Amino acid sequence: MPTPDTPGLEDPGRGRRIGIDVGTVRIGVASSDRDARLATPVATVRRETGFKDRDKADIDQLIQIIEDYEAVEVVVGLPRDLKGNGSRSAKHAKEIAFRIRRRLKRAGSDVPVRFADERLTTVVATTALRSSGVSAKAGRGVIDQAAAVEILQSWLDARSNYLDRNENDPIDSEV
């Protein structure tokens, strides 16, 4: 079972990051700004059904988003329970991440694909949507995007803290 990566370690520098929340029905996608400070929702990829390899169609869409946003890093949420144990969902997220990385590599891209601990991100996203007045029915279409935003924003915040502690912030050094 993979463990979450350390944000900021082997940092690719300035550029957009893509956050991915892999679900069984939908995949939420978020993006950061070029300074890697703020995560915003991008899309909800509806999982394909009826195909022998339904992940291929989903990965095609994710690769297109990664390329369109010219991402320098991809962060995939790694589902874990409160004790830190993985699950079938974690295994599937790992497989999706592996296939994204393999496709990027085949295309000549060295964009790293990282894992982030996503414990409680859907709970936090649901609470935030409800408190902003979004109904449960309306929220179904965007909850996965909101969870991807939570995953990516947590990564960005931890990255910023890591870089500040290590006085190695590539954003400041490029100014």
N, C-alpha and C. Protein backbone atom coordinates (compact mmCIF):
# COMPACT_ATOMS: atom_id res chain seq x y z
N MET A 1 0.84 -1.18 0.00
CA MET A 1 0.00 0.00 0.00
C MET A 1 0.89 1.24 0.00
N PRO A 2 0.70 2.15 -0.96
CA PRO A 2 1.52 3.36 -0.98
C PRO A 2 1.20 4.26 0.20
N THR A 3 2.16 5.06 0.57
CA THR A 3 1.93 6.04 1.62
C THR A 3 1.87 7.41 0.98
N PRO A 4 1.22 8.36 1.64
CA PRO A 4 1.18 9.71 1.08
C PRO A 4 2.58 10.28 0.93
N ASP A 5 2.78 11.07 -0.11
CA ASP A 5 4.06 11.72 -0.36
C ASP A 5 4.18 12.96 0.51
N THR A 6 5.40 13.50 0.60
CA THR A 6 5.64 14.72 1.36
C THR A 6 5.54 15.91 0.42
N PRO A 7 4.54 16.79 0.64
CA PRO A 7 4.43 17.96 -0.22
C PRO A 7 5.68 18.83 -0.12
N GLY A 8 6.19 19.28 -1.25
CA GLY A 8 7.37 20.14 -1.28
C GLY A 8 8.66 19.40 -1.51
N LEU A 9 8.70 18.13 -1.13
CA LEU A 9 9.90 17.32 -1.35
C LEU A 9 9.99 17.03 -2.85
N GLU A 10 11.15 17.24 -3.44
CA GLU A 10 11.31 17.09 -4.89
C GLU A 10 10.29 17.94 -5.64
N ASP A 11 10.14 19.18 -5.20
CA ASP A 11 9.14 20.09 -5.75
C ASP A 11 9.50 20.51 -7.18
N PRO A 12 8.53 20.47 -8.10
CA PRO A 12 8.82 20.86 -9.48
C PRO A 12 8.86 22.37 -9.71
N GLY A 13 8.59 23.16 -8.68
CA GLY A 13 8.65 24.62 -8.82
C GLY A 13 7.32 25.23 -9.20
N ARG A 14 7.41 26.40 -9.81
CA ARG A 14 6.22 27.17 -10.15
C ARG A 14 5.42 26.44 -11.23
N GLY A 15 4.11 26.52 -11.13
CA GLY A 15 3.23 25.93 -12.13
C GLY A 15 1.97 25.35 -11.50
N ARG A 16 1.04 25.03 -12.34
CA ARG A 16 -0.24 24.51 -11.86
C ARG A 16 -0.12 23.06 -11.41
N ARG A 17 -0.90 22.75 -10.40
CA ARG A 17 -1.04 21.38 -9.93
C ARG A 17 -2.47 20.94 -10.22
N ILE A 18 -2.66 19.66 -10.44
CA ILE A 18 -3.99 19.08 -10.62
C ILE A 18 -4.23 18.14 -9.45
N GLY A 19 -5.38 18.30 -8.80
CA GLY A 19 -5.80 17.41 -7.72
C GLY A 19 -6.90 16.49 -8.21
N ILE A 20 -6.83 15.22 -7.83
CA ILE A 20 -7.79 14.23 -8.31
C ILE A 20 -8.36 13.44 -7.13
N ASP A 21 -9.70 13.39 -7.07
CA ASP A 21 -10.41 12.58 -6.08
C ASP A 21 -11.09 11.44 -6.84
N VAL A 22 -10.54 10.24 -6.72
CA VAL A 22 -11.06 9.08 -7.46
C VAL A 22 -12.21 8.46 -6.67
N GLY A 23 -13.38 8.45 -7.27
CA GLY A 23 -14.55 7.82 -6.67
C GLY A 23 -15.02 6.67 -7.53
N THR A 24 -15.99 5.93 -7.06
CA THR A 24 -16.48 4.79 -7.83
C THR A 24 -17.46 5.22 -8.92
N VAL A 25 -18.14 6.36 -8.72
CA VAL A 25 -19.11 6.85 -9.69
C VAL A 25 -18.58 8.05 -10.46
N ARG A 26 -17.83 8.91 -9.77
CA ARG A 26 -17.30 10.13 -10.38
C ARG A 26 -15.87 10.37 -9.91
N ILE A 27 -15.13 11.14 -10.70
CA ILE A 27 -13.79 11.57 -10.34
C ILE A 27 -13.80 13.09 -10.30
N GLY A 28 -13.46 13.65 -9.15
CA GLY A 28 -13.40 15.10 -9.03
C GLY A 28 -12.01 15.60 -9.40
N VAL A 29 -11.97 16.76 -10.07
CA VAL A 29 -10.70 17.33 -10.51
C VAL A 29 -10.65 18.80 -10.09
N ALA A 30 -9.49 19.20 -9.56
CA ALA A 30 -9.25 20.59 -9.17
C ALA A 30 -7.91 21.02 -9.75
N SER A 31 -7.70 22.33 -9.82
CA SER A 31 -6.44 22.87 -10.31
C SER A 31 -5.99 23.99 -9.39
N SER A 32 -4.69 24.22 -9.37
CA SER A 32 -4.16 25.37 -8.62
C SER A 32 -3.84 26.49 -9.60
N ASP A 33 -3.60 27.66 -9.04
CA ASP A 33 -3.07 28.76 -9.84
C ASP A 33 -1.60 28.46 -10.12
N ARG A 34 -0.96 29.26 -10.96
CA ARG A 34 0.44 29.01 -11.33
C ARG A 34 1.41 29.16 -10.16
N ASP A 35 1.02 29.94 -9.16
CA ASP A 35 1.87 30.11 -7.98
C ASP A 35 1.64 29.02 -6.93
N ALA A 36 0.75 28.09 -7.23
CA ALA A 36 0.46 26.95 -6.34
C ALA A 36 0.01 27.40 -4.96
N ARG A 37 -0.89 28.37 -4.93
CA ARG A 37 -1.41 28.89 -3.66
C ARG A 37 -2.87 28.55 -3.42
N LEU A 38 -3.67 28.50 -4.50
CA LEU A 38 -5.12 28.36 -4.35
C LEU A 38 -5.66 27.27 -5.28
N ALA A 39 -6.44 26.36 -4.71
CA ALA A 39 -7.08 25.29 -5.48
C ALA A 39 -8.50 25.70 -5.84
N THR A 40 -8.90 25.41 -7.08
CA THR A 40 -10.25 25.70 -7.54
C THR A 40 -10.80 24.48 -8.29
N PRO A 41 -12.13 24.31 -8.29
CA PRO A 41 -12.72 23.17 -8.99
C PRO A 41 -12.56 23.29 -10.50
N VAL A 42 -12.40 22.14 -11.15
CA VAL A 42 -12.24 22.11 -12.61
C VAL A 42 -13.37 21.32 -13.26
N ALA A 43 -13.53 20.07 -12.86
CA ALA A 43 -14.49 19.20 -13.56
C ALA A 43 -14.85 18.00 -12.71
N THR A 44 -15.97 17.39 -13.08
CA THR A 44 -16.34 16.09 -12.55
C THR A 44 -16.36 15.14 -13.73
N VAL A 45 -15.53 14.13 -13.67
CA VAL A 45 -15.48 13.12 -14.73
C VAL A 45 -16.42 11.99 -14.31
N ARG A 46 -17.47 11.80 -15.09
CA ARG A 46 -18.41 10.71 -14.81
C ARG A 46 -17.77 9.41 -15.24
N ARG A 47 -17.70 8.46 -14.32
CA ARG A 47 -17.06 7.18 -14.62
C ARG A 47 -17.81 6.48 -15.73
N GLU A 48 -17.07 5.98 -16.69
CA GLU A 48 -17.65 5.26 -17.82
C GLU A 48 -18.10 3.87 -17.36
N THR A 49 -19.18 3.42 -17.92
CA THR A 49 -19.66 2.07 -17.62
C THR A 49 -19.89 1.34 -18.93
N GLY A 50 -19.92 0.03 -18.86
CA GLY A 50 -20.21 -0.76 -20.04
C GLY A 50 -19.00 -1.06 -20.91
N PHE A 51 -17.83 -0.62 -20.50
CA PHE A 51 -16.62 -0.90 -21.26
C PHE A 51 -15.81 -1.96 -20.53
N LYS A 52 -15.07 -2.74 -21.29
CA LYS A 52 -14.20 -3.74 -20.67
C LYS A 52 -13.19 -3.04 -19.76
N ASP A 53 -12.63 -1.94 -20.25
CA ASP A 53 -11.66 -1.17 -19.47
C ASP A 53 -12.21 0.24 -19.28
N ARG A 54 -13.12 0.39 -18.32
CA ARG A 54 -13.75 1.69 -18.14
C ARG A 54 -12.76 2.75 -17.68
N ASP A 55 -11.67 2.34 -17.02
CA ASP A 55 -10.69 3.32 -16.56
C ASP A 55 -10.01 4.04 -17.72
N LYS A 56 -9.88 3.38 -18.88
CA LYS A 56 -9.19 4.00 -20.01
C LYS A 56 -9.87 5.30 -20.43
N ALA A 57 -11.19 5.28 -20.57
CA ALA A 57 -11.92 6.48 -20.97
C ALA A 57 -11.77 7.58 -19.93
N ASP A 58 -11.79 7.20 -18.66
CA ASP A 58 -11.62 8.18 -17.58
C ASP A 58 -10.22 8.77 -17.62
N ILE A 59 -9.24 7.93 -17.80
CA ILE A 59 -7.84 8.38 -17.84
C ILE A 59 -7.61 9.27 -19.06
N ASP A 60 -8.25 8.96 -20.18
CA ASP A 60 -8.15 9.83 -21.36
C ASP A 60 -8.60 11.25 -21.01
N GLN A 61 -9.72 11.36 -20.31
CA GLN A 61 -10.22 12.68 -19.92
C GLN A 61 -9.28 13.37 -18.94
N LEU A 62 -8.76 12.62 -17.97
CA LEU A 62 -7.84 13.20 -16.99
C LEU A 62 -6.55 13.67 -17.65
N ILE A 63 -6.01 12.88 -18.56
CA ILE A 63 -4.79 13.27 -19.28
C ILE A 63 -5.03 14.56 -20.06
N GLN A 64 -6.19 14.67 -20.69
CA GLN A 64 -6.52 15.88 -21.44
C GLN A 64 -6.53 17.10 -20.52
N ILE A 65 -7.12 16.97 -19.34
CA ILE A 65 -7.15 18.08 -18.38
C ILE A 65 -5.73 18.43 -17.93
N ILE A 66 -4.94 17.42 -17.62
CA ILE A 66 -3.55 17.65 -17.18
C ILE A 66 -2.78 18.41 -18.26
N GLU A 67 -2.97 18.01 -19.50
CA GLU A 67 -2.28 18.68 -20.61
C GLU A 67 -2.83 20.09 -20.84
N ASP A 68 -4.15 20.25 -20.80
CA ASP A 68 -4.76 21.57 -21.02
C ASP A 68 -4.30 22.59 -19.98
N TYR A 69 -4.14 22.14 -18.75
CA TYR A 69 -3.72 23.04 -17.67
C TYR A 69 -2.20 23.14 -17.54
N GLU A 70 -1.49 22.43 -18.39
CA GLU A 70 -0.02 22.43 -18.37
C GLU A 70 0.50 22.18 -16.95
N ALA A 71 -0.05 21.14 -16.33
CA ALA A 71 0.29 20.82 -14.94
C ALA A 71 1.75 20.43 -14.78
N VAL A 72 2.34 20.84 -13.66
CA VAL A 72 3.71 20.45 -13.33
C VAL A 72 3.72 19.34 -12.28
N GLU A 73 2.54 19.03 -11.72
CA GLU A 73 2.43 18.00 -10.69
C GLU A 73 0.97 17.57 -10.61
N VAL A 74 0.75 16.28 -10.38
CA VAL A 74 -0.58 15.73 -10.21
C VAL A 74 -0.64 15.12 -8.82
N VAL A 75 -1.71 15.44 -8.08
CA VAL A 75 -1.88 14.95 -6.71
C VAL A 75 -3.16 14.12 -6.66
N VAL A 76 -3.02 12.83 -6.38
CA VAL A 76 -4.15 11.92 -6.32
C VAL A 76 -4.45 11.61 -4.85
N GLY A 77 -5.71 11.77 -4.47
CA GLY A 77 -6.11 11.46 -3.10
C GLY A 77 -6.02 9.97 -2.83
N LEU A 78 -5.45 9.63 -1.68
CA LEU A 78 -5.30 8.24 -1.28
C LEU A 78 -6.26 7.98 -0.12
N PRO A 79 -7.39 7.29 -0.40
CA PRO A 79 -8.38 7.06 0.65
C PRO A 79 -7.84 6.15 1.75
N ARG A 80 -8.02 6.59 2.98
CA ARG A 80 -7.60 5.81 4.15
C ARG A 80 -8.64 5.99 5.24
N ASP A 81 -8.72 4.99 6.12
CA ASP A 81 -9.63 5.17 7.25
C ASP A 81 -8.92 6.00 8.33
N LEU A 82 -9.61 6.27 9.42
CA LEU A 82 -9.04 7.13 10.46
C LEU A 82 -7.79 6.55 11.11
N LYS A 83 -7.61 5.24 11.00
CA LYS A 83 -6.40 4.61 11.55
C LYS A 83 -5.26 4.60 10.54
N GLY A 84 -5.52 5.09 9.33
CA GLY A 84 -4.48 5.15 8.31
C GLY A 84 -4.40 3.93 7.42
N ASN A 85 -5.35 3.03 7.55
CA ASN A 85 -5.35 1.82 6.73
C ASN A 85 -5.97 2.09 5.36
N GLY A 86 -5.49 1.37 4.36
CA GLY A 86 -6.02 1.50 3.01
C GLY A 86 -7.28 0.67 2.83
N SER A 87 -7.83 0.70 1.64
CA SER A 87 -9.05 -0.03 1.34
C SER A 87 -9.05 -0.38 -0.14
N ARG A 88 -10.14 -0.95 -0.61
CA ARG A 88 -10.29 -1.23 -2.04
C ARG A 88 -10.24 0.09 -2.82
N SER A 89 -10.81 1.14 -2.26
CA SER A 89 -10.77 2.46 -2.91
C SER A 89 -9.34 2.96 -3.04
N ALA A 90 -8.52 2.71 -2.03
CA ALA A 90 -7.11 3.13 -2.08
C ALA A 90 -6.38 2.37 -3.18
N LYS A 91 -6.69 1.10 -3.30
CA LYS A 91 -6.06 0.28 -4.34
C LYS A 91 -6.44 0.81 -5.73
N HIS A 92 -7.70 1.19 -5.88
CA HIS A 92 -8.15 1.72 -7.17
C HIS A 92 -7.51 3.07 -7.46
N ALA A 93 -7.41 3.95 -6.47
CA ALA A 93 -6.76 5.25 -6.65
C ALA A 93 -5.30 5.05 -7.06
N LYS A 94 -4.65 4.08 -6.44
CA LYS A 94 -3.26 3.78 -6.79
C LYS A 94 -3.15 3.32 -8.24
N GLU A 95 -4.07 2.47 -8.68
CA GLU A 95 -4.06 1.98 -10.06
C GLU A 95 -4.30 3.13 -11.05
N ILE A 96 -5.24 3.99 -10.76
CA ILE A 96 -5.50 5.15 -11.63
C ILE A 96 -4.25 6.03 -11.70
N ALA A 97 -3.63 6.30 -10.55
CA ALA A 97 -2.41 7.13 -10.52
C ALA A 97 -1.29 6.50 -11.33
N PHE A 98 -1.12 5.20 -11.19
CA PHE A 98 -0.09 4.48 -11.94
C PHE A 98 -0.32 4.61 -13.44
N ARG A 99 -1.57 4.44 -13.86
CA ARG A 99 -1.88 4.50 -15.28
C ARG A 99 -1.73 5.92 -15.84
N ILE A 100 -2.07 6.93 -15.02
CA ILE A 100 -1.85 8.32 -15.45
C ILE A 100 -0.36 8.54 -15.65
N ARG A 101 0.44 8.14 -14.67
CA ARG A 101 1.89 8.32 -14.75
C ARG A 101 2.48 7.62 -15.97
N ARG A 102 2.02 6.39 -16.22
CA ARG A 102 2.51 5.63 -17.37
C ARG A 102 2.16 6.34 -18.68
N ARG A 103 0.93 6.84 -18.79
CA ARG A 103 0.52 7.55 -20.01
C ARG A 103 1.32 8.84 -20.20
N LEU A 104 1.54 9.57 -19.10
CA LEU A 104 2.34 10.80 -19.21
C LEU A 104 3.76 10.49 -19.66
N LYS A 105 4.32 9.44 -19.07
CA LYS A 105 5.69 9.05 -19.41
C LYS A 105 5.80 8.65 -20.89
N ARG A 106 4.82 7.89 -21.37
CA ARG A 106 4.81 7.49 -22.78
C ARG A 106 4.74 8.70 -23.71
N ALA A 107 4.10 9.76 -23.23
CA ALA A 107 3.97 10.99 -24.04
C ALA A 107 5.20 11.88 -23.89
N GLY A 108 6.21 11.40 -23.13
CA GLY A 108 7.44 12.17 -22.97
C GLY A 108 7.39 13.19 -21.85
N SER A 109 6.40 13.09 -20.99
CA SER A 109 6.24 14.04 -19.88
C SER A 109 6.85 13.48 -18.60
N ASP A 110 7.52 14.34 -17.84
CA ASP A 110 8.07 13.91 -16.56
C ASP A 110 7.27 14.48 -15.39
N VAL A 111 6.00 14.82 -15.63
CA VAL A 111 5.13 15.35 -14.57
C VAL A 111 4.98 14.29 -13.49
N PRO A 112 5.36 14.62 -12.24
CA PRO A 112 5.23 13.63 -11.17
C PRO A 112 3.77 13.45 -10.75
N VAL A 113 3.42 12.23 -10.38
CA VAL A 113 2.10 11.91 -9.85
C VAL A 113 2.31 11.50 -8.40
N ARG A 114 1.72 12.26 -7.48
CA ARG A 114 1.92 12.08 -6.04
C ARG A 114 0.64 11.57 -5.38
N PHE A 115 0.80 11.05 -4.18
CA PHE A 115 -0.34 10.64 -3.36
C PHE A 115 -0.48 11.57 -2.17
N ALA A 116 -1.73 11.94 -1.87
CA ALA A 116 -2.02 12.77 -0.70
C ALA A 116 -3.06 12.05 0.15
N ASP A 117 -2.88 12.11 1.45
CA ASP A 117 -3.84 11.54 2.39
C ASP A 117 -5.16 12.30 2.22
N GLU A 118 -6.23 11.57 1.95
CA GLU A 118 -7.50 12.25 1.75
C GLU A 118 -8.54 11.89 2.82
N ARG A 119 -8.09 11.53 4.00
CA ARG A 119 -9.03 11.23 5.07
C ARG A 119 -9.97 12.41 5.31
N LEU A 120 -11.24 12.13 5.33
CA LEU A 120 -12.30 13.09 5.66
C LEU A 120 -12.50 14.21 4.64
N THR A 121 -11.86 14.17 3.48
CA THR A 121 -12.03 15.27 2.53
C THR A 121 -13.47 15.37 2.02
N THR A 122 -14.12 14.25 1.77
CA THR A 122 -15.50 14.30 1.31
C THR A 122 -16.42 14.82 2.41
N VAL A 123 -16.14 14.46 3.65
CA VAL A 123 -16.93 14.96 4.78
C VAL A 123 -16.77 16.48 4.89
N VAL A 124 -15.54 16.96 4.81
CA VAL A 124 -15.27 18.40 4.88
C VAL A 124 -15.93 19.12 3.71
N ALA A 125 -15.82 18.56 2.52
CA ALA A 125 -16.41 19.17 1.33
C ALA A 125 -17.93 19.21 1.44
N THR A 126 -18.54 18.14 1.91
CA THR A 126 -19.99 18.08 2.08
C THR A 126 -20.45 19.13 3.08
N THR A 127 -19.75 19.23 4.20
CA THR A 127 -20.08 20.21 5.23
C THR A 127 -19.98 21.63 4.67
N ALA A 128 -18.94 21.91 3.92
CA ALA A 128 -18.75 23.24 3.33
C ALA A 128 -19.87 23.56 2.35
N LEU A 129 -20.25 22.59 1.52
CA LEU A 129 -21.33 22.83 0.56
C LEU A 129 -22.65 23.08 1.28
N ARG A 130 -22.96 22.27 2.29
CA ARG A 130 -24.21 22.44 3.03
C ARG A 130 -24.25 23.79 3.74
N SER A 131 -23.13 24.19 4.34
CA SER A 131 -23.11 25.47 5.06
C SER A 131 -23.21 26.66 4.11
N SER A 132 -22.89 26.45 2.83
CA SER A 132 -23.04 27.53 1.86
C SER A 132 -24.41 27.50 1.18
N GLY A 133 -25.28 26.59 1.64
CA GLY A 133 -26.65 26.56 1.15
C GLY A 133 -26.90 25.65 -0.04
N VAL A 134 -25.93 24.83 -0.42
CA VAL A 134 -26.11 23.91 -1.54
C VAL A 134 -26.87 22.68 -1.04
N SER A 135 -27.97 22.34 -1.71
CA SER A 135 -28.77 21.18 -1.30
C SER A 135 -28.02 19.88 -1.58
N ALA A 136 -28.48 18.82 -0.93
CA ALA A 136 -27.85 17.51 -1.14
C ALA A 136 -27.97 17.10 -2.60
N LYS A 137 -29.12 17.35 -3.22
CA LYS A 137 -29.33 16.97 -4.62
C LYS A 137 -28.40 17.77 -5.53
N ALA A 138 -28.33 19.07 -5.34
CA ALA A 138 -27.46 19.92 -6.17
C ALA A 138 -25.99 19.61 -5.91
N GLY A 139 -25.67 19.23 -4.67
CA GLY A 139 -24.29 18.96 -4.29
C GLY A 139 -23.71 17.72 -4.91
N ARG A 140 -24.57 16.76 -5.29
CA ARG A 140 -24.07 15.51 -5.85
C ARG A 140 -23.19 15.73 -7.08
N GLY A 141 -23.53 16.71 -7.88
CA GLY A 141 -22.77 16.97 -9.10
C GLY A 141 -21.44 17.65 -8.87
N VAL A 142 -21.26 18.27 -7.70
CA VAL A 142 -20.02 19.02 -7.46
C VAL A 142 -19.23 18.53 -6.25
N ILE A 143 -19.78 17.59 -5.50
CA ILE A 143 -19.10 17.14 -4.28
C ILE A 143 -17.72 16.57 -4.58
N ASP A 144 -17.57 15.88 -5.69
CA ASP A 144 -16.28 15.28 -6.04
C ASP A 144 -15.26 16.36 -6.40
N GLN A 145 -15.73 17.42 -7.07
CA GLN A 145 -14.85 18.56 -7.34
C GLN A 145 -14.42 19.21 -6.03
N ALA A 146 -15.40 19.38 -5.12
CA ALA A 146 -15.09 20.01 -3.83
C ALA A 146 -14.10 19.16 -3.04
N ALA A 147 -14.23 17.84 -3.11
CA ALA A 147 -13.28 16.95 -2.43
C ALA A 147 -11.90 17.07 -3.07
N ALA A 148 -11.84 17.18 -4.40
CA ALA A 148 -10.56 17.37 -5.09
C ALA A 148 -9.92 18.69 -4.68
N VAL A 149 -10.74 19.73 -4.51
CA VAL A 149 -10.23 21.02 -4.03
C VAL A 149 -9.63 20.86 -2.64
N GLU A 150 -10.32 20.14 -1.75
CA GLU A 150 -9.81 19.91 -0.39
C GLU A 150 -8.47 19.17 -0.43
N ILE A 151 -8.39 18.14 -1.25
CA ILE A 151 -7.15 17.36 -1.37
C ILE A 151 -6.02 18.26 -1.85
N LEU A 152 -6.27 19.00 -2.92
CA LEU A 152 -5.23 19.83 -3.51
C LEU A 152 -4.86 21.00 -2.61
N GLN A 153 -5.86 21.65 -1.99
CA GLN A 153 -5.55 22.79 -1.11
C GLN A 153 -4.72 22.34 0.08
N SER A 154 -5.03 21.18 0.64
CA SER A 154 -4.22 20.65 1.75
C SER A 154 -2.79 20.41 1.29
N TRP A 155 -2.64 19.87 0.08
CA TRP A 155 -1.31 19.63 -0.49
C TRP A 155 -0.56 20.95 -0.66
N LEU A 156 -1.24 21.95 -1.24
CA LEU A 156 -0.61 23.24 -1.48
C LEU A 156 -0.17 23.91 -0.18
N ASP A 157 -1.03 23.83 0.84
CA ASP A 157 -0.69 24.43 2.14
C ASP A 157 0.51 23.72 2.76
N ALA A 158 0.52 22.40 2.71
CA ALA A 158 1.64 21.63 3.28
C ALA A 158 2.91 21.90 2.48
N ARG A 159 2.79 22.02 1.17
CA ARG A 159 3.93 22.34 0.31
C ARG A 159 4.52 23.69 0.69
N SER A 160 3.65 24.68 0.83
CA SER A 160 4.10 26.02 1.20
C SER A 160 4.82 26.01 2.55
N ASN A 161 4.25 25.31 3.52
CA ASN A 161 4.88 25.20 4.84
C ASN A 161 6.24 24.52 4.75
N TYR A 162 6.32 23.45 3.97
CA TYR A 162 7.58 22.73 3.80
C TYR A 162 8.64 23.65 3.18
N LEU A 163 8.26 24.32 2.11
CA LEU A 163 9.22 25.19 1.43
C LEU A 163 9.64 26.37 2.31
N ASP A 164 8.71 26.92 3.09
CA ASP A 164 9.05 28.02 4.01
C ASP A 164 10.03 27.54 5.07
N ARG A 165 9.79 26.35 5.61
CA ARG A 165 10.68 25.80 6.64
C ARG A 165 12.07 25.54 6.10
N ASN A 166 12.14 25.19 4.84
CA ASN A 166 13.42 24.84 4.23
C ASN A 166 14.02 25.97 3.41
N GLU A 167 13.40 27.13 3.47
CA GLU A 167 13.89 28.32 2.77
C GLU A 167 14.30 28.01 1.34
N ASN A 168 13.45 27.27 0.68
CA ASN A 168 13.75 26.84 -0.69
C ASN A 168 12.54 27.06 -1.57
N ASP A 169 11.89 28.22 -1.42
CA ASP A 169 10.67 28.46 -2.15
C ASP A 169 10.99 28.89 -3.58
N PRO A 170 10.75 28.00 -4.56
CA PRO A 170 11.07 28.33 -5.95
C PRO A 170 10.25 29.51 -6.47
N ILE A 171 9.11 29.78 -5.85
CA ILE A 171 8.28 30.90 -6.30
C ILE A 171 9.02 32.21 -6.03
N ASP A 172 9.58 32.35 -4.82
CA ASP A 172 10.30 33.57 -4.46
C ASP A 172 11.60 33.71 -5.24
N SER A 173 12.26 32.60 -5.54
CA SER A 173 13.56 32.67 -6.21
C SER A 173 13.43 33.02 -7.69
N GLU A 174 12.22 32.92 -8.26
CA GLU A 174 12.04 33.23 -9.67
C GLU A 174 11.67 34.69 -9.90
N VAL A 175 11.38 35.43 -8.85
CA VAL A 175 10.92 36.81 -8.99
C VAL A 175 12.06 37.73 -9.34
